[in-house]
Amino acid sequence: MAEAKSLIGKVMIVTGGAGGIGGATAYAASTAGAAVVVTDVADSGQATAAGIREAGGQAEFVACDVSEPEQVSQLIRRTVDSFGRIDILVNNAGIGGGGLRVHELDVGSWDRTVAVNLRGPFLCSKFAIPHLLAAGRGAIVNVASAYWLIGAPLSPAYCASKGGLISLTRQLAGDYGSDGLRAIAICPGYVDTDMGGHRARLAPAEAAAALARREAGAAHQPLGRQAQPEEIANVIVFVASDACSFITGAVVPVDGGATATGYFSHLD
């Protein structure tokens, strides 16, 4: 569980908050005292916000495609209208875009992956930063991937976008540190989620085989298993809190030791 009330009085935006790491982060932040704006392209993000409210927290859902400037601008306006400020931005929304080598990948697939995974954090940061600066001691947490460090099989657009997100994180830290704004990148490894609903679109036997491949790969890591989304969420809440007030520009692996040992097979 996230540190009790470490975010009390804060307002957090979580992109890609309908489920997985984003949904777990929204719940963890609320438990820690934050008011949360959950955003996603999926209507299921409404259920995340409703669940937080039912548990006694403050949350709203705003539908948003993070690759579209006007939608992002509206997201920021609605957050400020509802809660008066923005203290923390969690750029979590992302898509896989894997399964092919570069010469097999069509340009549209490349562009869409980069648009969500890298353009999205840029746009959200661009429109949120004036409000983060106004709040003082703000934080941007970018959810990258352990794949930024290695050339993962059949994932050129995903790896490139996550590598770019690491560089953007460090650049933000350099440009805005003197203003009290921090930027941190979290790099998950194997997490027990179904990014983009990939397995949900497979036949039951194929979905089970895909999950088994992930679990078999995770078994070779030092910790020997996949993470649960809540384990990533707790790290996000921690680095966003004032407990980490002197951390910025950091790249934090939360990968069960996968990159420490160099073991990483293809993630379905």
C-alpha atoms as a PDB file:
ATOM      1  CA  MET A   1       0.000   0.000   0.000  1.00  0.00           C
ATOM      2  CA  ALA A   2       1.163   3.544  -0.765  1.00  0.00           C
ATOM      3  CA  GLU A   3       2.464   5.528   2.193  1.00  0.00           C
ATOM      4  CA  ALA A   4      -0.552   6.718   4.176  1.00  0.00           C
ATOM      5  CA  LYS A   5      -1.619  10.272   3.280  1.00  0.00           C
ATOM      6  CA  SER A   6       1.707  11.165   1.633  1.00  0.00           C
ATOM      7  CA  LEU A   7      -0.201  13.063  -1.064  1.00  0.00           C
ATOM      8  CA  ILE A   8      -2.809  14.755   1.077  1.00  0.00           C
ATOM      9  CA  GLY A   9      -3.936  18.037  -0.470  1.00  0.00           C
ATOM     10  CA  LYS A  10      -2.371  17.190  -3.860  1.00  0.00           C
ATOM     11  CA  VAL A  11      -4.101  16.955  -7.242  1.00  0.00           C
ATOM     12  CA  MET A  12      -2.847  14.260  -9.617  1.00  0.00           C
ATOM     13  CA  ILE A  13      -3.632  13.512 -13.257  1.00  0.00           C
ATOM     14  CA  VAL A  14      -3.162   9.896 -14.342  1.00  0.00           C
ATOM     15  CA  THR A  15      -3.240   9.171 -18.072  1.00  0.00           C
ATOM     16  CA  GLY A  16      -4.135   5.676 -19.183  1.00  0.00           C
ATOM     17  CA  GLY A  17      -6.045   5.338 -15.921  1.00  0.00           C
ATOM     18  CA  ALA A  18      -8.732   2.886 -16.992  1.00  0.00           C
ATOM     19  CA  GLY A  19      -6.829  -0.110 -15.658  1.00  0.00           C
ATOM     20  CA  GLY A  20      -3.459  -1.778 -15.248  1.00  0.00           C
ATOM     21  CA  ILE A  21      -0.707   0.427 -13.866  1.00  0.00           C
ATOM     22  CA  GLY A  22      -2.738   3.586 -14.421  1.00  0.00           C
ATOM     23  CA  GLY A  23      -5.802   2.331 -12.585  1.00  0.00           C
ATOM     24  CA  ALA A  24      -3.684   1.030  -9.711  1.00  0.00           C
ATOM     25  CA  THR A  25      -1.881   4.379  -9.529  1.00  0.00           C
ATOM     26  CA  ALA A  26      -5.146   6.293  -9.349  1.00  0.00           C
ATOM     27  CA  TYR A  27      -6.338   4.139  -6.445  1.00  0.00           C
ATOM     28  CA  ALA A  28      -2.976   4.325  -4.653  1.00  0.00           C
ATOM     29  CA  ALA A  29      -2.824   8.102  -5.020  1.00  0.00           C
ATOM     30  CA  SER A  30      -6.330   8.460  -3.645  1.00  0.00           C
ATOM     31  CA  THR A  31      -5.438   6.244  -0.689  1.00  0.00           C
ATOM     32  CA  ALA A  32      -2.458   8.553  -0.106  1.00  0.00           C
ATOM     33  CA  GLY A  33      -4.804  11.556   0.032  1.00  0.00           C
ATOM     34  CA  ALA A  34      -4.709  12.992  -3.498  1.00  0.00           C
ATOM     35  CA  ALA A  35      -7.622  14.153  -5.593  1.00  0.00           C
ATOM     36  CA  VAL A  36      -7.273  12.256  -8.871  1.00  0.00           C
ATOM     37  CA  VAL A  37      -8.281  12.994 -12.436  1.00  0.00           C
ATOM     38  CA  VAL A  38      -8.404   9.719 -14.338  1.00  0.00           C
ATOM     39  CA  THR A  39      -8.090  10.008 -18.088  1.00  0.00           C
ATOM     40  CA  ASP A  40      -8.183   7.429 -20.849  1.00  0.00           C
ATOM     41  CA  VAL A  41      -9.696   6.875 -24.244  1.00  0.00           C
ATOM     42  CA  ALA A  42     -11.673   3.994 -22.788  1.00  0.00           C
ATOM     43  CA  ASP A  43     -14.992   4.598 -21.044  1.00  0.00           C
ATOM     44  CA  SER A  44     -13.863   2.092 -18.423  1.00  0.00           C
ATOM     45  CA  GLY A  45     -11.895   4.925 -16.872  1.00  0.00           C
ATOM     46  CA  GLN A  46     -15.230   6.088 -15.506  1.00  0.00           C
ATOM     47  CA  ALA A  47     -15.352   2.935 -13.389  1.00  0.00           C
ATOM     48  CA  THR A  48     -11.935   3.737 -11.895  1.00  0.00           C
ATOM     49  CA  ALA A  49     -13.064   7.219 -10.863  1.00  0.00           C
ATOM     50  CA  ALA A  50     -16.374   5.906  -9.556  1.00  0.00           C
ATOM     51  CA  GLY A  51     -14.610   3.251  -7.482  1.00  0.00           C
ATOM     52  CA  ILE A  52     -12.395   5.888  -5.886  1.00  0.00           C
ATOM     53  CA  ARG A  53     -15.410   8.027  -5.010  1.00  0.00           C
ATOM     54  CA  GLU A  54     -17.257   5.043  -3.567  1.00  0.00           C
ATOM     55  CA  ALA A  55     -14.243   4.414  -1.329  1.00  0.00           C
ATOM     56  CA  GLY A  56     -14.477   7.988  -0.039  1.00  0.00           C
ATOM     57  CA  GLY A  57     -11.877   9.615  -2.293  1.00  0.00           C
ATOM     58  CA  GLN A  58     -12.054  12.482  -4.766  1.00  0.00           C
ATOM     59  CA  ALA A  59     -11.869  11.581  -8.454  1.00  0.00           C
ATOM     60  CA  GLU A  60     -13.188  12.585 -11.838  1.00  0.00           C
ATOM     61  CA  PHE A  61     -12.932  10.945 -15.235  1.00  0.00           C
ATOM     62  CA  VAL A  62     -12.083  12.925 -18.372  1.00  0.00           C
ATOM     63  CA  ALA A  63     -11.962  11.141 -21.722  1.00  0.00           C
ATOM     64  CA  CYS A  64      -8.804  12.125 -23.619  1.00  0.00           C
ATOM     65  CA  ASP A  65      -6.618  10.921 -26.455  1.00  0.00           C
ATOM     66  CA  VAL A  66      -3.232  12.154 -25.234  1.00  0.00           C
ATOM     67  CA  SER A  67      -1.910  12.467 -28.789  1.00  0.00           C
ATOM     68  CA  GLU A  68      -4.461  15.203 -29.614  1.00  0.00           C
ATOM     69  CA  PRO A  69      -3.486  18.723 -28.449  1.00  0.00           C
ATOM     70  CA  GLU A  70      -7.004  20.097 -28.078  1.00  0.00           C
ATOM     71  CA  GLN A  71      -8.144  17.115 -26.023  1.00  0.00           C
ATOM     72  CA  VAL A  72      -5.111  17.432 -23.748  1.00  0.00           C
ATOM     73  CA  SER A  73      -5.702  21.168 -23.355  1.00  0.00           C
ATOM     74  CA  GLN A  74      -9.302  20.452 -22.369  1.00  0.00           C
ATOM     75  CA  LEU A  75      -8.130  17.806 -19.876  1.00  0.00           C
ATOM     76  CA  ILE A  76      -5.930  20.353 -18.140  1.00  0.00           C
ATOM     77  CA  ARG A  77      -8.663  23.008 -18.121  1.00  0.00           C
ATOM     78  CA  ARG A  78     -11.196  20.614 -16.641  1.00  0.00           C
ATOM     79  CA  THR A  79      -8.757  19.500 -13.955  1.00  0.00           C
ATOM     80  CA  VAL A  80      -8.098  23.071 -12.865  1.00  0.00           C
ATOM     81  CA  ASP A  81     -11.795  23.934 -13.039  1.00  0.00           C
ATOM     82  CA  SER A  82     -12.646  20.962 -10.805  1.00  0.00           C
ATOM     83  CA  PHE A  83      -9.809  21.024  -8.286  1.00  0.00           C
ATOM     84  CA  GLY A  84      -8.167  24.442  -8.642  1.00  0.00           C
ATOM     85  CA  ARG A  85      -4.617  23.236  -9.225  1.00  0.00           C
ATOM     86  CA  ILE A  86      -2.351  20.470 -10.549  1.00  0.00           C
ATOM     87  CA  ASP A  87       0.483  19.099  -8.423  1.00  0.00           C
ATOM     88  CA  ILE A  88       1.407  15.823 -10.113  1.00  0.00           C
ATOM     89  CA  LEU A  89       1.192  14.568 -13.683  1.00  0.00           C
ATOM     90  CA  VAL A  90       1.595  10.837 -14.282  1.00  0.00           C
ATOM     91  CA  ASN A  91       2.191  10.142 -17.979  1.00  0.00           C
ATOM     92  CA  ASN A  92       1.218   6.483 -18.043  1.00  0.00           C
ATOM     93  CA  ALA A  93      -0.832   6.067 -21.235  1.00  0.00           C
ATOM     94  CA  GLY A  94       0.940   3.809 -23.689  1.00  0.00           C
ATOM     95  CA  ILE A  95       0.488   1.193 -26.389  1.00  0.00           C
ATOM     96  CA  GLY A  96       2.689  -1.720 -27.406  1.00  0.00           C
ATOM     97  CA  GLY A  97       3.128  -1.551 -31.157  1.00  0.00           C
ATOM     98  CA  GLY A  98       5.206  -4.726 -31.173  1.00  0.00           C
ATOM     99  CA  GLY A  99       5.306  -7.948 -33.113  1.00  0.00           C
ATOM    100  CA  LEU A 100       7.234  -6.894 -36.225  1.00  0.00           C
ATOM    101  CA  ARG A 101      10.739  -5.923 -37.303  1.00  0.00           C
ATOM    102  CA  VAL A 102      11.399  -2.475 -38.752  1.00  0.00           C
ATOM    103  CA  HIS A 103      11.132  -3.449 -42.421  1.00  0.00           C
ATOM    104  CA  GLU A 104       7.816  -5.208 -41.707  1.00  0.00           C
ATOM    105  CA  LEU A 105       6.263  -2.382 -39.686  1.00  0.00           C
ATOM    106  CA  ASP A 106       3.938  -0.009 -41.519  1.00  0.00           C
ATOM    107  CA  VAL A 107       4.434   3.716 -41.089  1.00  0.00           C
ATOM    108  CA  GLY A 108       0.994   4.211 -39.557  1.00  0.00           C
ATOM    109  CA  SER A 109       1.699   1.749 -36.762  1.00  0.00           C
ATOM    110  CA  TRP A 110       5.031   3.420 -36.014  1.00  0.00           C
ATOM    111  CA  ASP A 111       3.435   6.869 -35.977  1.00  0.00           C
ATOM    112  CA  ARG A 112       0.561   5.810 -33.699  1.00  0.00           C
ATOM    113  CA  THR A 113       2.880   4.186 -31.150  1.00  0.00           C
ATOM    114  CA  VAL A 114       5.157   7.223 -31.019  1.00  0.00           C
ATOM    115  CA  ALA A 115       2.139   9.551 -30.923  1.00  0.00           C
ATOM    116  CA  VAL A 116       0.726   7.938 -27.788  1.00  0.00           C
ATOM    117  CA  ASN A 117       3.955   6.967 -26.012  1.00  0.00           C
ATOM    118  CA  LEU A 118       6.060  10.082 -26.648  1.00  0.00           C
ATOM    119  CA  ARG A 119       3.962  12.854 -28.186  1.00  0.00           C
ATOM    120  CA  GLY A 120       1.358  12.223 -25.481  1.00  0.00           C
ATOM    121  CA  PRO A 121       3.715  12.880 -22.543  1.00  0.00           C
ATOM    122  CA  PHE A 122       5.067  15.945 -24.379  1.00  0.00           C
ATOM    123  CA  LEU A 123       1.582  17.391 -24.857  1.00  0.00           C
ATOM    124  CA  CYS A 124       0.425  16.601 -21.324  1.00  0.00           C
ATOM    125  CA  SER A 125       3.596  18.135 -19.906  1.00  0.00           C
ATOM    126  CA  LYS A 126       3.346  21.195 -22.165  1.00  0.00           C
ATOM    127  CA  PHE A 127      -0.162  22.081 -21.038  1.00  0.00           C
ATOM    128  CA  ALA A 128       0.226  21.014 -17.399  1.00  0.00           C
ATOM    129  CA  ILE A 129       3.583  22.637 -16.614  1.00  0.00           C
ATOM    130  CA  PRO A 130       2.284  26.216 -16.133  1.00  0.00           C
ATOM    131  CA  HIS A 131      -0.094  24.872 -13.468  1.00  0.00           C
ATOM    132  CA  LEU A 132       2.563  22.630 -11.914  1.00  0.00           C
ATOM    133  CA  LEU A 133       4.853  25.639 -11.612  1.00  0.00           C
ATOM    134  CA  ALA A 134       2.077  27.699 -10.078  1.00  0.00           C
ATOM    135  CA  ALA A 135       1.436  24.994  -7.482  1.00  0.00           C
ATOM    136  CA  GLY A 136       5.123  24.822  -6.538  1.00  0.00           C
ATOM    137  CA  ARG A 137       7.100  21.639  -5.856  1.00  0.00           C
ATOM    138  CA  GLY A 138       5.287  19.845  -8.672  1.00  0.00           C
ATOM    139  CA  ALA A 139       6.242  16.488 -10.149  1.00  0.00           C
ATOM    140  CA  ILE A 140       5.984  14.727 -13.494  1.00  0.00           C
ATOM    141  CA  VAL A 141       6.282  10.952 -13.391  1.00  0.00           C
ATOM    142  CA  ASN A 142       6.752   9.327 -16.785  1.00  0.00           C
ATOM    143  CA  VAL A 143       6.043   5.618 -17.046  1.00  0.00           C
ATOM    144  CA  ALA A 144       8.674   4.373 -19.469  1.00  0.00           C
ATOM    145  CA  SER A 145       9.832   0.747 -19.656  1.00  0.00           C
ATOM    146  CA  ALA A 146      12.771  -1.503 -18.989  1.00  0.00           C
ATOM    147  CA  TYR A 147      12.774  -1.751 -22.789  1.00  0.00           C
ATOM    148  CA  TRP A 148      14.424   1.669 -23.011  1.00  0.00           C
ATOM    149  CA  LEU A 149      17.688   0.004 -22.016  1.00  0.00           C
ATOM    150  CA  ILE A 150      17.738  -2.930 -24.411  1.00  0.00           C
ATOM    151  CA  GLY A 151      16.793  -3.725 -27.983  1.00  0.00           C
ATOM    152  CA  ALA A 152      13.696  -5.766 -27.251  1.00  0.00           C
ATOM    153  CA  PRO A 153      12.651  -8.293 -29.904  1.00  0.00           C
ATOM    154  CA  LEU A 154      10.044  -7.139 -32.416  1.00  0.00           C
ATOM    155  CA  SER A 155       9.299  -3.825 -30.695  1.00  0.00           C
ATOM    156  CA  PRO A 156      11.072  -1.027 -32.625  1.00  0.00           C
ATOM    157  CA  ALA A 157       8.453   1.696 -32.198  1.00  0.00           C
ATOM    158  CA  TYR A 158       7.830   0.851 -28.546  1.00  0.00           C
ATOM    159  CA  CYS A 159      11.526   0.814 -27.649  1.00  0.00           C
ATOM    160  CA  ALA A 160      12.216   4.030 -29.546  1.00  0.00           C
ATOM    161  CA  SER A 161       9.294   5.819 -27.907  1.00  0.00           C
ATOM    162  CA  LYS A 162      10.264   4.705 -24.404  1.00  0.00           C
ATOM    163  CA  GLY A 163      13.904   5.650 -24.992  1.00  0.00           C
ATOM    164  CA  GLY A 164      12.716   9.067 -26.108  1.00  0.00           C
ATOM    165  CA  LEU A 165      10.593   9.357 -22.981  1.00  0.00           C
ATOM    166  CA  ILE A 166      13.672   8.783 -20.821  1.00  0.00           C
ATOM    167  CA  SER A 167      15.471  11.603 -22.635  1.00  0.00           C
ATOM    168  CA  LEU A 168      12.445  13.876 -22.289  1.00  0.00           C
ATOM    169  CA  THR A 169      12.349  13.134 -18.552  1.00  0.00           C
ATOM    170  CA  ARG A 170      15.972  14.144 -18.096  1.00  0.00           C
ATOM    171  CA  GLN A 171      15.530  17.252 -20.194  1.00  0.00           C
ATOM    172  CA  LEU A 172      12.506  18.326 -18.149  1.00  0.00           C
ATOM    173  CA  ALA A 173      14.503  17.805 -14.961  1.00  0.00           C
ATOM    174  CA  GLY A 174      17.257  20.046 -16.261  1.00  0.00           C
ATOM    175  CA  ASP A 175      15.029  22.814 -17.543  1.00  0.00           C
ATOM    176  CA  TYR A 176      12.620  23.037 -14.618  1.00  0.00           C
ATOM    177  CA  GLY A 177      14.606  22.018 -11.564  1.00  0.00           C
ATOM    178  CA  SER A 178      15.329  25.617 -10.623  1.00  0.00           C
ATOM    179  CA  ASP A 179      11.558  26.180 -10.593  1.00  0.00           C
ATOM    180  CA  GLY A 180      10.995  23.364  -8.112  1.00  0.00           C
ATOM    181  CA  LEU A 181       9.475  21.012 -10.688  1.00  0.00           C
ATOM    182  CA  ARG A 182      10.790  17.444 -10.608  1.00  0.00           C
ATOM    183  CA  ALA A 183      10.680  14.808 -13.367  1.00  0.00           C
ATOM    184  CA  ILE A 184      11.232  11.085 -12.803  1.00  0.00           C
ATOM    185  CA  ALA A 185      10.951   8.073 -15.094  1.00  0.00           C
ATOM    186  CA  ILE A 186       9.673   4.730 -13.817  1.00  0.00           C
ATOM    187  CA  CYS A 187      10.696   1.693 -15.851  1.00  0.00           C
ATOM    188  CA  PRO A 188       8.505  -1.359 -15.263  1.00  0.00           C
ATOM    189  CA  GLY A 189       9.459  -4.783 -16.537  1.00  0.00           C
ATOM    190  CA  TYR A 190       7.108  -7.759 -16.570  1.00  0.00           C
ATOM    191  CA  VAL A 191       3.800  -6.578 -15.095  1.00  0.00           C
ATOM    192  CA  ASP A 192       0.665  -8.695 -14.898  1.00  0.00           C
ATOM    193  CA  THR A 193      -1.418  -6.549 -17.242  1.00  0.00           C
ATOM    194  CA  ASP A 194      -2.718  -6.923 -20.785  1.00  0.00           C
ATOM    195  CA  MET A 195      -1.477  -3.768 -22.519  1.00  0.00           C
ATOM    196  CA  GLY A 196      -3.866  -2.680 -25.228  1.00  0.00           C
ATOM    197  CA  GLY A 197      -6.099  -5.696 -24.641  1.00  0.00           C
ATOM    198  CA  HIS A 198      -3.791  -7.876 -26.736  1.00  0.00           C
ATOM    199  CA  ARG A 199      -4.608 -11.149 -24.995  1.00  0.00           C
ATOM    200  CA  ALA A 200      -8.280 -10.228 -24.716  1.00  0.00           C
ATOM    201  CA  ARG A 201      -8.488 -10.354 -28.515  1.00  0.00           C
ATOM    202  CA  LEU A 202      -6.996 -13.831 -28.719  1.00  0.00           C
ATOM    203  CA  ALA A 203      -8.769 -17.157 -28.561  1.00  0.00           C
ATOM    204  CA  PRO A 204      -8.701 -18.546 -24.995  1.00  0.00           C
ATOM    205  CA  ALA A 205      -5.975 -21.100 -25.773  1.00  0.00           C
ATOM    206  CA  GLU A 206      -3.792 -18.477 -27.485  1.00  0.00           C
ATOM    207  CA  ALA A 207      -4.310 -16.004 -24.631  1.00  0.00           C
ATOM    208  CA  ALA A 208      -3.320 -18.643 -22.099  1.00  0.00           C
ATOM    209  CA  ALA A 209      -0.201 -19.449 -24.124  1.00  0.00           C
ATOM    210  CA  ALA A 210       0.746 -15.755 -24.319  1.00  0.00           C
ATOM    211  CA  LEU A 211       0.367 -15.390 -20.547  1.00  0.00           C
ATOM    212  CA  ALA A 212       2.411 -18.551 -20.001  1.00  0.00           C
ATOM    213  CA  ARG A 213       5.241 -17.107 -22.116  1.00  0.00           C
ATOM    214  CA  ARG A 214       5.290 -13.966 -20.004  1.00  0.00           C
ATOM    215  CA  GLU A 215       5.315 -15.919 -16.787  1.00  0.00           C
ATOM    216  CA  ALA A 216       8.050 -18.216 -18.047  1.00  0.00           C
ATOM    217  CA  GLY A 217      10.180 -15.222 -19.001  1.00  0.00           C
ATOM    218  CA  ALA A 218       9.579 -13.525 -15.663  1.00  0.00           C
ATOM    219  CA  ALA A 219      10.606 -16.689 -13.862  1.00  0.00           C
ATOM    220  CA  HIS A 220      14.195 -16.183 -15.084  1.00  0.00           C
ATOM    221  CA  GLN A 221      14.518 -12.793 -13.330  1.00  0.00           C
ATOM    222  CA  PRO A 222      16.086 -12.524  -9.878  1.00  0.00           C
ATOM    223  CA  LEU A 223      12.664 -12.084  -8.248  1.00  0.00           C
ATOM    224  CA  GLY A 224      11.209 -14.826 -10.433  1.00  0.00           C
ATOM    225  CA  ARG A 225       7.741 -13.454 -11.159  1.00  0.00           C
ATOM    226  CA  GLN A 226       5.734 -10.676 -12.772  1.00  0.00           C
ATOM    227  CA  ALA A 227       4.906  -7.546 -10.791  1.00  0.00           C
ATOM    228  CA  GLN A 228       1.368  -6.692  -9.841  1.00  0.00           C
ATOM    229  CA  PRO A 229       0.196  -3.250 -11.037  1.00  0.00           C
ATOM    230  CA  GLU A 230      -0.048  -2.088  -7.433  1.00  0.00           C
ATOM    231  CA  GLU A 231       3.682  -2.666  -6.961  1.00  0.00           C
ATOM    232  CA  ILE A 232       4.443  -0.206  -9.756  1.00  0.00           C
ATOM    233  CA  ALA A 233       1.775   2.211  -8.531  1.00  0.00           C
ATOM    234  CA  ASN A 234       3.292   2.353  -5.059  1.00  0.00           C
ATOM    235  CA  VAL A 235       6.632   3.422  -6.523  1.00  0.00           C
ATOM    236  CA  ILE A 236       4.946   6.109  -8.616  1.00  0.00           C
ATOM    237  CA  VAL A 237       3.165   7.517  -5.565  1.00  0.00           C
ATOM    238  CA  PHE A 238       6.393   7.411  -3.547  1.00  0.00           C
ATOM    239  CA  VAL A 239       8.550   9.291  -6.060  1.00  0.00           C
ATOM    240  CA  ALA A 240       5.762  11.838  -6.608  1.00  0.00           C
ATOM    241  CA  SER A 241       5.548  12.579  -2.887  1.00  0.00           C
ATOM    242  CA  ASP A 242       7.581  15.047  -0.863  1.00  0.00           C
ATOM    243  CA  ALA A 243       9.449  12.073   0.614  1.00  0.00           C
ATOM    244  CA  CYS A 244      11.439  12.176  -2.650  1.00  0.00           C
ATOM    245  CA  SER A 245      11.783  15.944  -2.829  1.00  0.00           C
ATOM    246  CA  PHE A 246      15.486  15.776  -3.802  1.00  0.00           C
ATOM    247  CA  ILE A 247      15.044  13.234  -6.613  1.00  0.00           C
ATOM    248  CA  THR A 248      14.763  14.487 -10.175  1.00  0.00           C
ATOM    249  CA  GLY A 249      16.019  13.295 -13.534  1.00  0.00           C
ATOM    250  CA  ALA A 250      16.174   9.764 -12.134  1.00  0.00           C
ATOM    251  CA  VAL A 251      15.417   6.589 -14.063  1.00  0.00           C
ATOM    252  CA  VAL A 252      13.974   4.047 -11.641  1.00  0.00           C
ATOM    253  CA  PRO A 253      13.805   0.402 -12.781  1.00  0.00           C
ATOM    254  CA  VAL A 254      10.944  -1.534 -11.201  1.00  0.00           C
ATOM    255  CA  ASP A 255      11.615  -4.745 -13.086  1.00  0.00           C
ATOM    256  CA  GLY A 256      12.349  -7.541 -10.644  1.00  0.00           C
ATOM    257  CA  GLY A 257      16.027  -7.369 -11.563  1.00  0.00           C
ATOM    258  CA  ALA A 258      15.531  -8.125 -15.262  1.00  0.00           C
ATOM    259  CA  THR A 259      17.800  -5.387 -16.569  1.00  0.00           C
ATOM    260  CA  ALA A 260      20.337  -5.957 -13.795  1.00  0.00           C
ATOM    261  CA  THR A 261      20.927  -9.489 -15.053  1.00  0.00           C
ATOM    262  CA  GLY A 262      20.343  -8.775 -18.726  1.00  0.00           C
ATOM    263  CA  TYR A 263      17.432 -11.200 -19.016  1.00  0.00           C
ATOM    264  CA  PHE A 264      14.480  -9.994 -20.986  1.00  0.00           C
ATOM    265  CA  SER A 265      12.567 -12.055 -23.526  1.00  0.00           C
ATOM    266  CA  HIS A 266       9.770 -10.781 -25.752  1.00  0.00           C
ATOM    267  CA  LEU A 267       6.692  -9.573 -23.878  1.00  0.00           C
ATOM    268  CA  ASP A 268       3.417 -10.563 -25.526  1.00  0.00           C
END
